[in-house]
């Protein structure tokens, strides 16, 4: 075995060791605060997250308000159980533009030039958690 082969084997061995060590230890994420300092936060898998966390991460609060009670650009997300079933709400979140009823037409007139984004990129289980949370408000 030549010196180059020994160095390559050592490098690969070290790389594999560090890769496995990274998989075993907790994943960390740096979260910036208002004063530009950083803190570490352990990432949670989506299975551990509840509906409210998923709603916040998906950006729903930026349009619907921090308490989901509506804003000048989007309606409130309260008392949805009067209008939606779980499966219909999940389907709506996956493709909002495919839904057209009187209530949706009214919202489109009230909130002009605002488009509800589709969340078909989210896992159906996560959409189910979001729907469950919204239907209990």
C-alpha atoms as a PDB file:
ATOM      1  CA  UNK A   1       0.000   0.000   0.000  1.00  0.00           C
ATOM      2  CA  UNK A   2       1.440   3.357  -1.021  1.00  0.00           C
ATOM      3  CA  UNK A   3       1.488   6.469   1.152  1.00  0.00           C
ATOM      4  CA  UNK A   4      -1.240   8.086  -0.965  1.00  0.00           C
ATOM      5  CA  UNK A   5      -3.486   5.060  -0.449  1.00  0.00           C
ATOM      6  CA  UNK A   6      -2.835   5.129   3.300  1.00  0.00           C
ATOM      7  CA  UNK A   7      -3.752   8.829   3.479  1.00  0.00           C
ATOM      8  CA  UNK A   8      -6.885   8.251   1.416  1.00  0.00           C
ATOM      9  CA  UNK A   9      -7.936   5.338   3.654  1.00  0.00           C
ATOM     10  CA  UNK A  10      -7.320   7.442   6.774  1.00  0.00           C
ATOM     11  CA  UNK A  11      -9.319  10.345   5.323  1.00  0.00           C
ATOM     12  CA  UNK A  12     -12.235   8.090   4.379  1.00  0.00           C
ATOM     13  CA  UNK A  13     -12.171   6.418   7.782  1.00  0.00           C
ATOM     14  CA  UNK A  14     -12.235   9.789   9.532  1.00  0.00           C
ATOM     15  CA  UNK A  15     -15.039  10.996   7.250  1.00  0.00           C
ATOM     16  CA  UNK A  16     -17.162   7.905   7.991  1.00  0.00           C
ATOM     17  CA  UNK A  17     -16.519   8.236  11.721  1.00  0.00           C
ATOM     18  CA  UNK A  18     -17.547  11.913  11.756  1.00  0.00           C
ATOM     19  CA  UNK A  19     -20.590  11.194   9.614  1.00  0.00           C
ATOM     20  CA  UNK A  20     -21.790   8.468  11.993  1.00  0.00           C
ATOM     21  CA  UNK A  21     -21.042  10.644  15.008  1.00  0.00           C
ATOM     22  CA  UNK A  22     -23.164  13.419  13.495  1.00  0.00           C
ATOM     23  CA  UNK A  23     -26.056  11.000  12.943  1.00  0.00           C
ATOM     24  CA  UNK A  24     -25.943   9.739  16.517  1.00  0.00           C
ATOM     25  CA  UNK A  25     -25.829  13.117  18.237  1.00  0.00           C
ATOM     26  CA  UNK A  26     -28.739  15.561  18.362  1.00  0.00           C
ATOM     27  CA  UNK A  27     -29.177  17.886  15.438  1.00  0.00           C
ATOM     28  CA  UNK A  28     -28.803  21.505  16.461  1.00  0.00           C
ATOM     29  CA  UNK A  29     -30.103  24.643  14.800  1.00  0.00           C
ATOM     30  CA  UNK A  30     -28.987  28.195  15.470  1.00  0.00           C
ATOM     31  CA  UNK A  31     -31.894  30.570  16.000  1.00  0.00           C
ATOM     32  CA  UNK A  32     -31.178  34.309  15.667  1.00  0.00           C
ATOM     33  CA  UNK A  33     -32.743  36.669  18.178  1.00  0.00           C
ATOM     34  CA  UNK A  34     -33.622  40.331  17.729  1.00  0.00           C
ATOM     35  CA  UNK A  35     -30.234  41.466  19.021  1.00  0.00           C
ATOM     36  CA  UNK A  36     -28.435  39.171  16.506  1.00  0.00           C
ATOM     37  CA  UNK A  37     -27.229  36.766  19.167  1.00  0.00           C
ATOM     38  CA  UNK A  38     -27.631  33.083  18.533  1.00  0.00           C
ATOM     39  CA  UNK A  39     -28.829  30.218  20.635  1.00  0.00           C
ATOM     40  CA  UNK A  40     -29.013  26.508  19.948  1.00  0.00           C
ATOM     41  CA  UNK A  41     -32.342  24.760  19.653  1.00  0.00           C
ATOM     42  CA  UNK A  42     -32.815  21.035  19.292  1.00  0.00           C
ATOM     43  CA  UNK A  43     -34.762  20.271  16.147  1.00  0.00           C
ATOM     44  CA  UNK A  44     -37.976  18.315  16.548  1.00  0.00           C
ATOM     45  CA  UNK A  45     -39.182  15.830  14.023  1.00  0.00           C
ATOM     46  CA  UNK A  46     -42.539  16.619  12.442  1.00  0.00           C
ATOM     47  CA  UNK A  47     -44.035  13.689  14.356  1.00  0.00           C
ATOM     48  CA  UNK A  48     -43.381  15.521  17.635  1.00  0.00           C
ATOM     49  CA  UNK A  49     -44.794  18.849  16.462  1.00  0.00           C
ATOM     50  CA  UNK A  50     -48.351  19.848  17.150  1.00  0.00           C
ATOM     51  CA  UNK A  51     -50.718  21.649  14.807  1.00  0.00           C
ATOM     52  CA  UNK A  52     -49.952  25.111  16.160  1.00  0.00           C
ATOM     53  CA  UNK A  53     -46.202  24.685  15.642  1.00  0.00           C
ATOM     54  CA  UNK A  54     -46.791  23.496  12.086  1.00  0.00           C
ATOM     55  CA  UNK A  55     -49.108  26.449  11.444  1.00  0.00           C
ATOM     56  CA  UNK A  56     -46.470  28.896  12.637  1.00  0.00           C
ATOM     57  CA  UNK A  57     -43.700  27.208  10.638  1.00  0.00           C
ATOM     58  CA  UNK A  58     -45.867  27.215   7.505  1.00  0.00           C
ATOM     59  CA  UNK A  59     -46.292  30.985   7.774  1.00  0.00           C
ATOM     60  CA  UNK A  60     -50.061  31.029   8.334  1.00  0.00           C
ATOM     61  CA  UNK A  61     -49.731  33.616  11.101  1.00  0.00           C
ATOM     62  CA  UNK A  62     -48.135  36.127   8.758  1.00  0.00           C
ATOM     63  CA  UNK A  63     -51.472  36.572   6.948  1.00  0.00           C
ATOM     64  CA  UNK A  64     -54.107  35.284   9.377  1.00  0.00           C
ATOM     65  CA  UNK A  65     -52.631  37.022  12.439  1.00  0.00           C
ATOM     66  CA  UNK A  66     -50.652  35.785  15.428  1.00  0.00           C
ATOM     67  CA  UNK A  67     -53.762  34.402  17.126  1.00  0.00           C
ATOM     68  CA  UNK A  68     -55.295  33.299  13.799  1.00  0.00           C
ATOM     69  CA  UNK A  69     -58.137  35.748  14.438  1.00  0.00           C
ATOM     70  CA  UNK A  70     -57.768  37.379  11.041  1.00  0.00           C
ATOM     71  CA  UNK A  71     -56.125  40.482   9.660  1.00  0.00           C
ATOM     72  CA  UNK A  72     -56.710  42.994   6.923  1.00  0.00           C
ATOM     73  CA  UNK A  73     -55.302  40.553   4.352  1.00  0.00           C
ATOM     74  CA  UNK A  74     -56.790  37.210   5.448  1.00  0.00           C
ATOM     75  CA  UNK A  75     -59.845  35.900   7.326  1.00  0.00           C
ATOM     76  CA  UNK A  76     -59.942  34.484  10.838  1.00  0.00           C
ATOM     77  CA  UNK A  77     -59.332  30.785  11.294  1.00  0.00           C
ATOM     78  CA  UNK A  78     -61.810  30.256  14.118  1.00  0.00           C
ATOM     79  CA  UNK A  79     -65.056  28.267  14.151  1.00  0.00           C
ATOM     80  CA  UNK A  80     -64.011  26.398  11.029  1.00  0.00           C
ATOM     81  CA  UNK A  81     -65.880  23.284  12.140  1.00  0.00           C
ATOM     82  CA  UNK A  82     -69.095  25.051  11.109  1.00  0.00           C
ATOM     83  CA  UNK A  83     -67.953  25.052   7.478  1.00  0.00           C
ATOM     84  CA  UNK A  84     -65.328  22.337   7.091  1.00  0.00           C
ATOM     85  CA  UNK A  85     -64.887  18.654   7.717  1.00  0.00           C
ATOM     86  CA  UNK A  86     -61.394  17.317   8.361  1.00  0.00           C
ATOM     87  CA  UNK A  87     -60.915  15.746   4.920  1.00  0.00           C
ATOM     88  CA  UNK A  88     -62.285  18.763   3.058  1.00  0.00           C
ATOM     89  CA  UNK A  89     -60.031  21.106   5.021  1.00  0.00           C
ATOM     90  CA  UNK A  90     -56.971  18.981   4.242  1.00  0.00           C
ATOM     91  CA  UNK A  91     -57.922  18.955   0.555  1.00  0.00           C
ATOM     92  CA  UNK A  92     -58.424  22.721   0.652  1.00  0.00           C
ATOM     93  CA  UNK A  93     -54.994  23.266   2.197  1.00  0.00           C
ATOM     94  CA  UNK A  94     -53.436  21.107  -0.522  1.00  0.00           C
ATOM     95  CA  UNK A  95     -55.114  23.028  -3.356  1.00  0.00           C
ATOM     96  CA  UNK A  96     -57.104  26.132  -2.327  1.00  0.00           C
ATOM     97  CA  UNK A  97     -57.725  27.316  -5.871  1.00  0.00           C
ATOM     98  CA  UNK A  98     -59.786  24.197  -6.630  1.00  0.00           C
ATOM     99  CA  UNK A  99     -62.477  25.203  -4.106  1.00  0.00           C
ATOM    100  CA  UNK A 100     -65.211  27.504  -5.275  1.00  0.00           C
ATOM    101  CA  UNK A 101     -68.361  28.147  -3.273  1.00  0.00           C
ATOM    102  CA  UNK A 102     -70.240  31.249  -2.185  1.00  0.00           C
ATOM    103  CA  UNK A 103     -68.128  31.668   0.926  1.00  0.00           C
ATOM    104  CA  UNK A 104     -64.881  31.448  -1.070  1.00  0.00           C
ATOM    105  CA  UNK A 105     -66.196  33.924  -3.631  1.00  0.00           C
ATOM    106  CA  UNK A 106     -67.063  36.305  -0.801  1.00  0.00           C
ATOM    107  CA  UNK A 107     -63.540  36.010   0.636  1.00  0.00           C
ATOM    108  CA  UNK A 108     -61.998  36.565  -2.797  1.00  0.00           C
ATOM    109  CA  UNK A 109     -63.980  39.775  -3.137  1.00  0.00           C
ATOM    110  CA  UNK A 110     -63.138  40.953   0.379  1.00  0.00           C
ATOM    111  CA  UNK A 111     -59.419  40.080   0.204  1.00  0.00           C
ATOM    112  CA  UNK A 112     -58.607  41.128  -3.360  1.00  0.00           C
ATOM    113  CA  UNK A 113     -55.219  40.347  -4.863  1.00  0.00           C
ATOM    114  CA  UNK A 114     -54.441  37.928  -2.025  1.00  0.00           C
ATOM    115  CA  UNK A 115     -53.933  34.287  -2.928  1.00  0.00           C
ATOM    116  CA  UNK A 116     -54.048  31.473  -0.417  1.00  0.00           C
ATOM    117  CA  UNK A 117     -50.930  29.373  -1.083  1.00  0.00           C
ATOM    118  CA  UNK A 118     -51.241  25.647  -1.560  1.00  0.00           C
ATOM    119  CA  UNK A 119     -49.552  23.389   0.951  1.00  0.00           C
ATOM    120  CA  UNK A 120     -49.323  20.272  -1.186  1.00  0.00           C
ATOM    121  CA  UNK A 121     -45.619  20.161  -0.337  1.00  0.00           C
ATOM    122  CA  UNK A 122     -46.440  19.299   3.302  1.00  0.00           C
ATOM    123  CA  UNK A 123     -46.937  15.731   4.404  1.00  0.00           C
ATOM    124  CA  UNK A 124     -50.581  14.662   4.696  1.00  0.00           C
ATOM    125  CA  UNK A 125     -49.999  13.766   8.356  1.00  0.00           C
ATOM    126  CA  UNK A 126     -48.845  17.323   9.034  1.00  0.00           C
ATOM    127  CA  UNK A 127     -51.836  18.722   7.171  1.00  0.00           C
ATOM    128  CA  UNK A 128     -54.010  16.465   9.331  1.00  0.00           C
ATOM    129  CA  UNK A 129     -52.451  17.918  12.478  1.00  0.00           C
ATOM    130  CA  UNK A 130     -53.046  21.432  11.174  1.00  0.00           C
ATOM    131  CA  UNK A 131     -56.659  20.604  10.279  1.00  0.00           C
ATOM    132  CA  UNK A 132     -57.266  18.985  13.671  1.00  0.00           C
ATOM    133  CA  UNK A 133     -55.936  22.064  15.437  1.00  0.00           C
ATOM    134  CA  UNK A 134     -57.977  24.475  13.331  1.00  0.00           C
ATOM    135  CA  UNK A 135     -61.176  22.477  13.805  1.00  0.00           C
ATOM    136  CA  UNK A 136     -60.847  22.650  17.604  1.00  0.00           C
ATOM    137  CA  UNK A 137     -60.556  26.460  17.705  1.00  0.00           C
END
